[in-house]
C-alpha atoms as a PDB file:
ATOM      1  CA  UNK A   1      43.887  98.409 -38.347  1.00  0.00           C
ATOM      2  CA  UNK A   2      43.648 101.001 -35.580  1.00  0.00           C
ATOM      3  CA  UNK A   3      44.245 104.713 -36.062  1.00  0.00           C
ATOM      4  CA  UNK A   4      47.592 104.281 -34.280  1.00  0.00           C
ATOM      5  CA  UNK A   5      48.586 101.540 -36.734  1.00  0.00           C
ATOM      6  CA  UNK A   6      47.875 103.845 -39.646  1.00  0.00           C
ATOM      7  CA  UNK A   7      49.834 106.683 -38.017  1.00  0.00           C
ATOM      8  CA  UNK A   8      52.801 104.323 -37.786  1.00  0.00           C
ATOM      9  CA  UNK A   9      52.445 103.172 -41.399  1.00  0.00           C
ATOM     10  CA  UNK A  10      52.292 106.723 -42.673  1.00  0.00           C
ATOM     11  CA  UNK A  11      55.186 107.886 -40.490  1.00  0.00           C
ATOM     12  CA  UNK A  12      57.412 104.954 -41.486  1.00  0.00           C
ATOM     13  CA  UNK A  13      56.849 105.431 -45.205  1.00  0.00           C
ATOM     14  CA  UNK A  14      55.316 101.948 -45.527  1.00  0.00           C
ATOM     15  CA  UNK A  15      52.338 103.589 -47.212  1.00  0.00           C
ATOM     16  CA  UNK A  16      53.326 105.807 -50.190  1.00  0.00           C
ATOM     17  CA  UNK A  17      53.598 109.496 -49.479  1.00  0.00           C
ATOM     18  CA  UNK A  18      52.199 110.446 -52.872  1.00  0.00           C
ATOM     19  CA  UNK A  19      49.913 107.693 -54.191  1.00  0.00           C
ATOM     20  CA  UNK A  20      48.476 108.424 -57.593  1.00  0.00           C
ATOM     21  CA  UNK A  21      44.755 109.168 -57.969  1.00  0.00           C
ATOM     22  CA  UNK A  22      42.559 106.558 -59.540  1.00  0.00           C
ATOM     23  CA  UNK A  23      42.988 106.515 -63.338  1.00  0.00           C
ATOM     24  CA  UNK A  24      39.196 106.430 -63.688  1.00  0.00           C
ATOM     25  CA  UNK A  25      38.714 109.544 -61.548  1.00  0.00           C
ATOM     26  CA  UNK A  26      41.624 111.228 -63.318  1.00  0.00           C
ATOM     27  CA  UNK A  27      40.208 110.461 -66.765  1.00  0.00           C
ATOM     28  CA  UNK A  28      36.646 111.590 -65.985  1.00  0.00           C
ATOM     29  CA  UNK A  29      37.659 114.623 -63.913  1.00  0.00           C
ATOM     30  CA  UNK A  30      37.070 117.154 -66.730  1.00  0.00           C
ATOM     31  CA  UNK A  31      33.418 116.006 -66.904  1.00  0.00           C
ATOM     32  CA  UNK A  32      32.612 116.193 -63.184  1.00  0.00           C
ATOM     33  CA  UNK A  33      31.400 119.467 -61.637  1.00  0.00           C
ATOM     34  CA  UNK A  34      33.642 122.154 -60.264  1.00  0.00           C
ATOM     35  CA  UNK A  35      32.972 123.249 -56.708  1.00  0.00           C
ATOM     36  CA  UNK A  36      33.500 121.539 -53.386  1.00  0.00           C
ATOM     37  CA  UNK A  37      34.873 118.016 -53.095  1.00  0.00           C
ATOM     38  CA  UNK A  38      35.259 115.448 -50.315  1.00  0.00           C
ATOM     39  CA  UNK A  39      37.929 112.749 -50.141  1.00  0.00           C
ATOM     40  CA  UNK A  40      36.777 110.051 -47.700  1.00  0.00           C
ATOM     41  CA  UNK A  41      39.559 108.153 -45.899  1.00  0.00           C
ATOM     42  CA  UNK A  42      41.962 110.484 -47.672  1.00  0.00           C
ATOM     43  CA  UNK A  43      45.173 109.076 -46.194  1.00  0.00           C
ATOM     44  CA  UNK A  44      48.097 110.999 -47.681  1.00  0.00           C
ATOM     45  CA  UNK A  45      45.880 112.587 -50.325  1.00  0.00           C
ATOM     46  CA  UNK A  46      45.472 110.144 -53.182  1.00  0.00           C
ATOM     47  CA  UNK A  47      42.393 111.941 -54.514  1.00  0.00           C
ATOM     48  CA  UNK A  48      42.329 115.108 -52.403  1.00  0.00           C
ATOM     49  CA  UNK A  49      45.556 116.587 -53.775  1.00  0.00           C
ATOM     50  CA  UNK A  50      44.568 115.706 -57.337  1.00  0.00           C
ATOM     51  CA  UNK A  51      41.140 117.356 -57.056  1.00  0.00           C
ATOM     52  CA  UNK A  52      42.585 120.463 -55.391  1.00  0.00           C
ATOM     53  CA  UNK A  53      45.256 120.616 -58.074  1.00  0.00           C
ATOM     54  CA  UNK A  54      42.408 120.791 -60.585  1.00  0.00           C
ATOM     55  CA  UNK A  55      40.969 123.846 -58.874  1.00  0.00           C
ATOM     56  CA  UNK A  56      38.425 122.450 -56.432  1.00  0.00           C
ATOM     57  CA  UNK A  57      37.999 123.255 -52.760  1.00  0.00           C
ATOM     58  CA  UNK A  58      38.534 119.922 -51.003  1.00  0.00           C
ATOM     59  CA  UNK A  59      37.665 118.532 -47.577  1.00  0.00           C
ATOM     60  CA  UNK A  60      40.048 115.658 -46.790  1.00  0.00           C
ATOM     61  CA  UNK A  61      38.669 113.303 -44.136  1.00  0.00           C
ATOM     62  CA  UNK A  62      40.784 110.716 -42.329  1.00  0.00           C
ATOM     63  CA  UNK A  63      41.211 109.348 -38.804  1.00  0.00           C
ATOM     64  CA  UNK A  64      45.015 109.472 -39.006  1.00  0.00           C
ATOM     65  CA  UNK A  65      46.689 112.705 -37.890  1.00  0.00           C
ATOM     66  CA  UNK A  66      49.953 111.562 -39.495  1.00  0.00           C
ATOM     67  CA  UNK A  67      48.334 110.908 -42.863  1.00  0.00           C
ATOM     68  CA  UNK A  68      46.627 114.306 -42.842  1.00  0.00           C
ATOM     69  CA  UNK A  69      49.889 116.035 -41.942  1.00  0.00           C
ATOM     70  CA  UNK A  70      51.566 114.483 -44.993  1.00  0.00           C
ATOM     71  CA  UNK A  71      48.571 115.498 -47.093  1.00  0.00           C
ATOM     72  CA  UNK A  72      48.884 119.117 -45.940  1.00  0.00           C
ATOM     73  CA  UNK A  73      52.610 119.079 -46.722  1.00  0.00           C
ATOM     74  CA  UNK A  74      51.950 117.738 -50.212  1.00  0.00           C
ATOM     75  CA  UNK A  75      49.297 120.367 -50.870  1.00  0.00           C
ATOM     76  CA  UNK A  76      51.621 123.118 -49.642  1.00  0.00           C
ATOM     77  CA  UNK A  77      54.436 121.846 -51.877  1.00  0.00           C
ATOM     78  CA  UNK A  78      52.100 122.215 -54.865  1.00  0.00           C
ATOM     79  CA  UNK A  79      50.938 125.669 -53.807  1.00  0.00           C
ATOM     80  CA  UNK A  80      47.353 124.517 -53.230  1.00  0.00           C
ATOM     81  CA  UNK A  81      47.309 124.380 -49.432  1.00  0.00           C
ATOM     82  CA  UNK A  82      44.589 127.022 -49.279  1.00  0.00           C
ATOM     83  CA  UNK A  83      42.238 124.737 -51.229  1.00  0.00           C
ATOM     84  CA  UNK A  84      42.479 121.787 -48.831  1.00  0.00           C
ATOM     85  CA  UNK A  85      40.725 121.568 -45.464  1.00  0.00           C
ATOM     86  CA  UNK A  86      41.642 118.502 -43.414  1.00  0.00           C
ATOM     87  CA  UNK A  87      39.129 116.833 -41.095  1.00  0.00           C
ATOM     88  CA  UNK A  88      40.409 114.312 -38.565  1.00  0.00           C
ATOM     89  CA  UNK A  89      37.488 111.948 -38.045  1.00  0.00           C
ATOM     90  CA  UNK A  90      36.472 108.314 -38.443  1.00  0.00           C
ATOM     91  CA  UNK A  91      34.748 107.887 -41.809  1.00  0.00           C
ATOM     92  CA  UNK A  92      32.658 105.038 -40.418  1.00  0.00           C
ATOM     93  CA  UNK A  93      30.917 107.350 -37.904  1.00  0.00           C
ATOM     94  CA  UNK A  94      31.422 110.879 -39.274  1.00  0.00           C
ATOM     95  CA  UNK A  95      28.270 112.935 -39.778  1.00  0.00           C
ATOM     96  CA  UNK A  96      28.333 114.015 -43.418  1.00  0.00           C
ATOM     97  CA  UNK A  97      26.576 117.324 -44.180  1.00  0.00           C
ATOM     98  CA  UNK A  98      23.559 117.129 -46.494  1.00  0.00           C
ATOM     99  CA  UNK A  99      23.714 118.268 -50.144  1.00  0.00           C
ATOM    100  CA  UNK A 100      27.161 119.828 -49.757  1.00  0.00           C
ATOM    101  CA  UNK A 101      29.640 118.230 -52.144  1.00  0.00           C
ATOM    102  CA  UNK A 102      29.842 118.350 -55.929  1.00  0.00           C
ATOM    103  CA  UNK A 103      32.325 115.452 -55.918  1.00  0.00           C
ATOM    104  CA  UNK A 104      32.861 112.708 -53.315  1.00  0.00           C
ATOM    105  CA  UNK A 105      35.710 110.216 -53.740  1.00  0.00           C
ATOM    106  CA  UNK A 106      36.476 107.156 -51.616  1.00  0.00           C
ATOM    107  CA  UNK A 107      39.327 104.801 -52.496  1.00  0.00           C
ATOM    108  CA  UNK A 108      40.068 101.495 -50.748  1.00  0.00           C
ATOM    109  CA  UNK A 109      37.911 102.132 -47.700  1.00  0.00           C
ATOM    110  CA  UNK A 110      35.073  99.636 -47.379  1.00  0.00           C
ATOM    111  CA  UNK A 111      31.991 101.392 -46.023  1.00  0.00           C
ATOM    112  CA  UNK A 112      28.850 100.097 -47.707  1.00  0.00           C
ATOM    113  CA  UNK A 113      26.815 101.059 -44.661  1.00  0.00           C
ATOM    114  CA  UNK A 114      27.664 104.742 -45.293  1.00  0.00           C
ATOM    115  CA  UNK A 115      26.502 104.832 -48.915  1.00  0.00           C
ATOM    116  CA  UNK A 116      23.118 106.396 -48.136  1.00  0.00           C
ATOM    117  CA  UNK A 117      24.866 109.117 -46.121  1.00  0.00           C
ATOM    118  CA  UNK A 118      27.382 109.794 -48.903  1.00  0.00           C
ATOM    119  CA  UNK A 119      24.595 110.072 -51.467  1.00  0.00           C
ATOM    120  CA  UNK A 120      22.682 112.409 -49.173  1.00  0.00           C
ATOM    121  CA  UNK A 121      25.828 114.534 -48.869  1.00  0.00           C
ATOM    122  CA  UNK A 122      26.059 115.034 -52.647  1.00  0.00           C
ATOM    123  CA  UNK A 123      24.741 118.274 -54.081  1.00  0.00           C
ATOM    124  CA  UNK A 124      22.228 117.922 -56.938  1.00  0.00           C
ATOM    125  CA  UNK A 125      24.064 116.606 -60.044  1.00  0.00           C
ATOM    126  CA  UNK A 126      27.107 115.783 -57.892  1.00  0.00           C
ATOM    127  CA  UNK A 127      29.337 112.790 -58.617  1.00  0.00           C
ATOM    128  CA  UNK A 128      30.296 109.891 -56.355  1.00  0.00           C
ATOM    129  CA  UNK A 129      33.438 107.899 -57.131  1.00  0.00           C
ATOM    130  CA  UNK A 130      34.204 104.715 -55.161  1.00  0.00           C
ATOM    131  CA  UNK A 131      36.832 102.041 -55.731  1.00  0.00           C
ATOM    132  CA  UNK A 132      37.732  99.090 -53.578  1.00  0.00           C
ATOM    133  CA  UNK A 133      39.087  95.572 -53.431  1.00  0.00           C
ATOM    134  CA  UNK A 134      37.030  92.853 -55.072  1.00  0.00           C
ATOM    135  CA  UNK A 135      36.572  89.243 -53.978  1.00  0.00           C
ATOM    136  CA  UNK A 136      38.450  87.158 -56.500  1.00  0.00           C
ATOM    137  CA  UNK A 137      40.245  83.825 -56.680  1.00  0.00           C
ATOM    138  CA  UNK A 138      42.948  85.575 -58.707  1.00  0.00           C
ATOM    139  CA  UNK A 139      43.744  88.363 -56.233  1.00  0.00           C
ATOM    140  CA  UNK A 140      46.989  88.183 -54.243  1.00  0.00           C
ATOM    141  CA  UNK A 141      47.029  91.835 -53.134  1.00  0.00           C
ATOM    142  CA  UNK A 142      44.865  93.605 -50.574  1.00  0.00           C
ATOM    143  CA  UNK A 143      42.938  92.369 -47.509  1.00  0.00           C
ATOM    144  CA  UNK A 144      43.569  88.729 -46.599  1.00  0.00           C
ATOM    145  CA  UNK A 145      39.863  87.967 -46.124  1.00  0.00           C
ATOM    146  CA  UNK A 146      36.617  88.861 -47.867  1.00  0.00           C
ATOM    147  CA  UNK A 147      35.187  91.088 -45.146  1.00  0.00           C
ATOM    148  CA  UNK A 148      36.618  94.256 -46.670  1.00  0.00           C
ATOM    149  CA  UNK A 149      36.180  93.197 -50.304  1.00  0.00           C
ATOM    150  CA  UNK A 150      33.163  93.756 -52.544  1.00  0.00           C
ATOM    151  CA  UNK A 151      31.293  90.753 -53.889  1.00  0.00           C
ATOM    152  CA  UNK A 152      30.511  90.629 -57.608  1.00  0.00           C
ATOM    153  CA  UNK A 153      28.249  93.562 -58.538  1.00  0.00           C
ATOM    154  CA  UNK A 154      27.880  94.585 -54.873  1.00  0.00           C
ATOM    155  CA  UNK A 155      29.345  98.048 -55.435  1.00  0.00           C
ATOM    156  CA  UNK A 156      27.197  98.456 -58.554  1.00  0.00           C
ATOM    157  CA  UNK A 157      24.036  97.603 -56.630  1.00  0.00           C
ATOM    158  CA  UNK A 158      24.998 100.103 -53.912  1.00  0.00           C
ATOM    159  CA  UNK A 159      25.135 102.852 -56.520  1.00  0.00           C
ATOM    160  CA  UNK A 160      21.872 102.043 -58.284  1.00  0.00           C
ATOM    161  CA  UNK A 161      20.106 104.957 -56.555  1.00  0.00           C
ATOM    162  CA  UNK A 162      22.314 107.200 -58.701  1.00  0.00           C
ATOM    163  CA  UNK A 163      22.812 107.440 -62.466  1.00  0.00           C
ATOM    164  CA  UNK A 164      25.787 105.190 -63.146  1.00  0.00           C
ATOM    165  CA  UNK A 165      28.318 106.755 -65.501  1.00  0.00           C
ATOM    166  CA  UNK A 166      31.089 104.156 -65.250  1.00  0.00           C
ATOM    167  CA  UNK A 167      31.512 100.760 -63.628  1.00  0.00           C
ATOM    168  CA  UNK A 168      34.044  97.985 -63.893  1.00  0.00           C
ATOM    169  CA  UNK A 169      35.388  94.956 -62.065  1.00  0.00           C
ATOM    170  CA  UNK A 170      38.924  94.115 -63.142  1.00  0.00           C
ATOM    171  CA  UNK A 171      42.066  92.270 -62.146  1.00  0.00           C
ATOM    172  CA  UNK A 172      45.441  93.877 -62.839  1.00  0.00           C
ATOM    173  CA  UNK A 173      48.998  92.764 -62.239  1.00  0.00           C
ATOM    174  CA  UNK A 174      51.111  95.029 -60.042  1.00  0.00           C
ATOM    175  CA  UNK A 175      54.808  95.709 -60.673  1.00  0.00           C
ATOM    176  CA  UNK A 176      55.741  93.327 -57.843  1.00  0.00           C
ATOM    177  CA  UNK A 177      53.923  90.455 -59.596  1.00  0.00           C
ATOM    178  CA  UNK A 178      50.904  90.339 -57.305  1.00  0.00           C
ATOM    179  CA  UNK A 179      47.412  90.723 -58.725  1.00  0.00           C
ATOM    180  CA  UNK A 180      44.822  93.212 -57.504  1.00  0.00           C
ATOM    181  CA  UNK A 181      41.095  92.767 -58.108  1.00  0.00           C
ATOM    182  CA  UNK A 182      39.240  96.080 -58.026  1.00  0.00           C
ATOM    183  CA  UNK A 183      35.692  97.375 -58.440  1.00  0.00           C
ATOM    184  CA  UNK A 184      35.174 101.001 -59.515  1.00  0.00           C
ATOM    185  CA  UNK A 185      31.994 103.053 -59.621  1.00  0.00           C
ATOM    186  CA  UNK A 186      31.389 106.576 -60.907  1.00  0.00           C
ATOM    187  CA  UNK A 187      27.778 107.760 -60.565  1.00  0.00           C
ATOM    188  CA  UNK A 188      25.842 111.014 -60.611  1.00  0.00           C
ATOM    189  CA  UNK A 189      23.058 112.260 -58.366  1.00  0.00           C
ATOM    190  CA  UNK A 190      20.839 113.054 -61.305  1.00  0.00           C
ATOM    191  CA  UNK A 191      17.293 112.067 -62.220  1.00  0.00           C
ATOM    192  CA  UNK A 192      14.945 112.397 -65.176  1.00  0.00           C
ATOM    193  CA  UNK A 193      14.374 110.799 -68.532  1.00  0.00           C
ATOM    194  CA  UNK A 194      16.810 113.064 -70.367  1.00  0.00           C
ATOM    195  CA  UNK A 195      20.247 113.528 -68.846  1.00  0.00           C
ATOM    196  CA  UNK A 196      23.705 114.620 -69.938  1.00  0.00           C
ATOM    197  CA  UNK A 197      26.267 111.850 -70.327  1.00  0.00           C
ATOM    198  CA  UNK A 198      30.020 112.416 -70.409  1.00  0.00           C
ATOM    199  CA  UNK A 199      32.037 110.937 -73.226  1.00  0.00           C
ATOM    200  CA  UNK A 200      34.094 107.964 -72.136  1.00  0.00           C
ATOM    201  CA  UNK A 201      37.651 109.296 -72.097  1.00  0.00           C
ATOM    202  CA  UNK A 202      40.874 107.491 -72.755  1.00  0.00           C
ATOM    203  CA  UNK A 203      42.642 106.563 -69.501  1.00  0.00           C
ATOM    204  CA  UNK A 204      46.207 107.936 -69.300  1.00  0.00           C
ATOM    205  CA  UNK A 205      48.871 105.593 -67.971  1.00  0.00           C
ATOM    206  CA  UNK A 206      50.059 108.011 -65.288  1.00  0.00           C
ATOM    207  CA  UNK A 207      49.178 111.309 -63.711  1.00  0.00           C
ATOM    208  CA  UNK A 208      52.209 113.533 -64.534  1.00  0.00           C
ATOM    209  CA  UNK A 209      54.196 114.487 -61.455  1.00  0.00           C
ATOM    210  CA  UNK A 210      52.826 111.715 -59.222  1.00  0.00           C
ATOM    211  CA  UNK A 211      54.814 109.006 -57.493  1.00  0.00           C
ATOM    212  CA  UNK A 212      53.793 105.443 -58.233  1.00  0.00           C
ATOM    213  CA  UNK A 213      52.403 103.304 -55.430  1.00  0.00           C
ATOM    214  CA  UNK A 214      53.929 100.268 -57.076  1.00  0.00           C
ATOM    215  CA  UNK A 215      54.550  97.900 -54.199  1.00  0.00           C
ATOM    216  CA  UNK A 216      52.838  99.190 -51.068  1.00  0.00           C
ATOM    217  CA  UNK A 217      49.478  97.909 -49.942  1.00  0.00           C
ATOM    218  CA  UNK A 218      46.893 100.668 -50.144  1.00  0.00           C
ATOM    219  CA  UNK A 219      43.714  99.306 -48.609  1.00  0.00           C
ATOM    220  CA  UNK A 220      42.199 101.741 -46.105  1.00  0.00           C
ATOM    221  CA  UNK A 221      39.757  99.270 -44.598  1.00  0.00           C
ATOM    222  CA  UNK A 222      39.002  99.391 -40.848  1.00  0.00           C
END
């Protein structure tokens, strides 16, 4: 999709105004560092608003002016507008600053070729969270082809330069009956023989106060 297509989707309400953050990111959030965060391909603020709501300063990056405008409105409604800085730029070509972010999140935007740059942009001990569509014979939701889907263990291999804290590949049924296959990675830019490991938390069913993205397609692939 082009940037104009996404502007139209956001403006029309076809894409949810307030998609919930990933349950994995939400559950592990207390264990990840405070400080500055980056939401890549932020859209209407799936992860950016959540992280700012938890007290972090957040850079929200997206190519769509319409999506970022909705994100700013959502942040203002929650009284956290001063914690969110929007950046209108293409995530596939944006120059990420080195060793800047304590948390980087990227949901449903397929950009394996930017992984080295994202890792470089993490501060020491920073966390990278990535989730995206998975190639699966069972999936009926998401991109129609495999180009913007991860192969089995592909996302895991991309994160092996970091210390992996969580990884899964799962298929879930959506409220509209379609099935979504998803890969999720949470990893830390940490080295050494002795490291600190977060406890695996229970995953809450919903983030209180969020609107469900029950039927809309949410892939942010190019």
